[in-house]
């Protein structure tokens, strides 16, 4: 059974930093492309960043480009999201999600429906 568990969320002032982690179990992590999404109150869940399974190709939403960095450690079955220069509009529940991509080393998934496996989310609150 696939499990994704996010951690690292919290309350931070604008301009601060947080590092989110997503620990995976019950899967062959090196076969999975991973993504981060977020959902603010009253809004749709949106793509934040994605990383391919081996080649570690990365992709970012325009709203976080230059401020957030996604990375992964396949030995630790963990994907990270380093968030710098946080803004109040980054306040949301952050979710990691993954998909087994046995056919591609470079695939990144940006649409919610493409990703079958999800964590429970971690709250990030940025105060002004």
Foldseek 3Di string as FASTA:
>chain_A
DKAWAKDWADEEAAQAKIKMKIAIDPDQQLQKKKFKWWDDPPDDIFTAKIAFRHVGDIDGDPVQPPFWDWDDDSVRRMIMIIGGRDDQVVWTWMKMFIDRHNPDRGDIDGDPVVTDGIHPTDTHGYHD
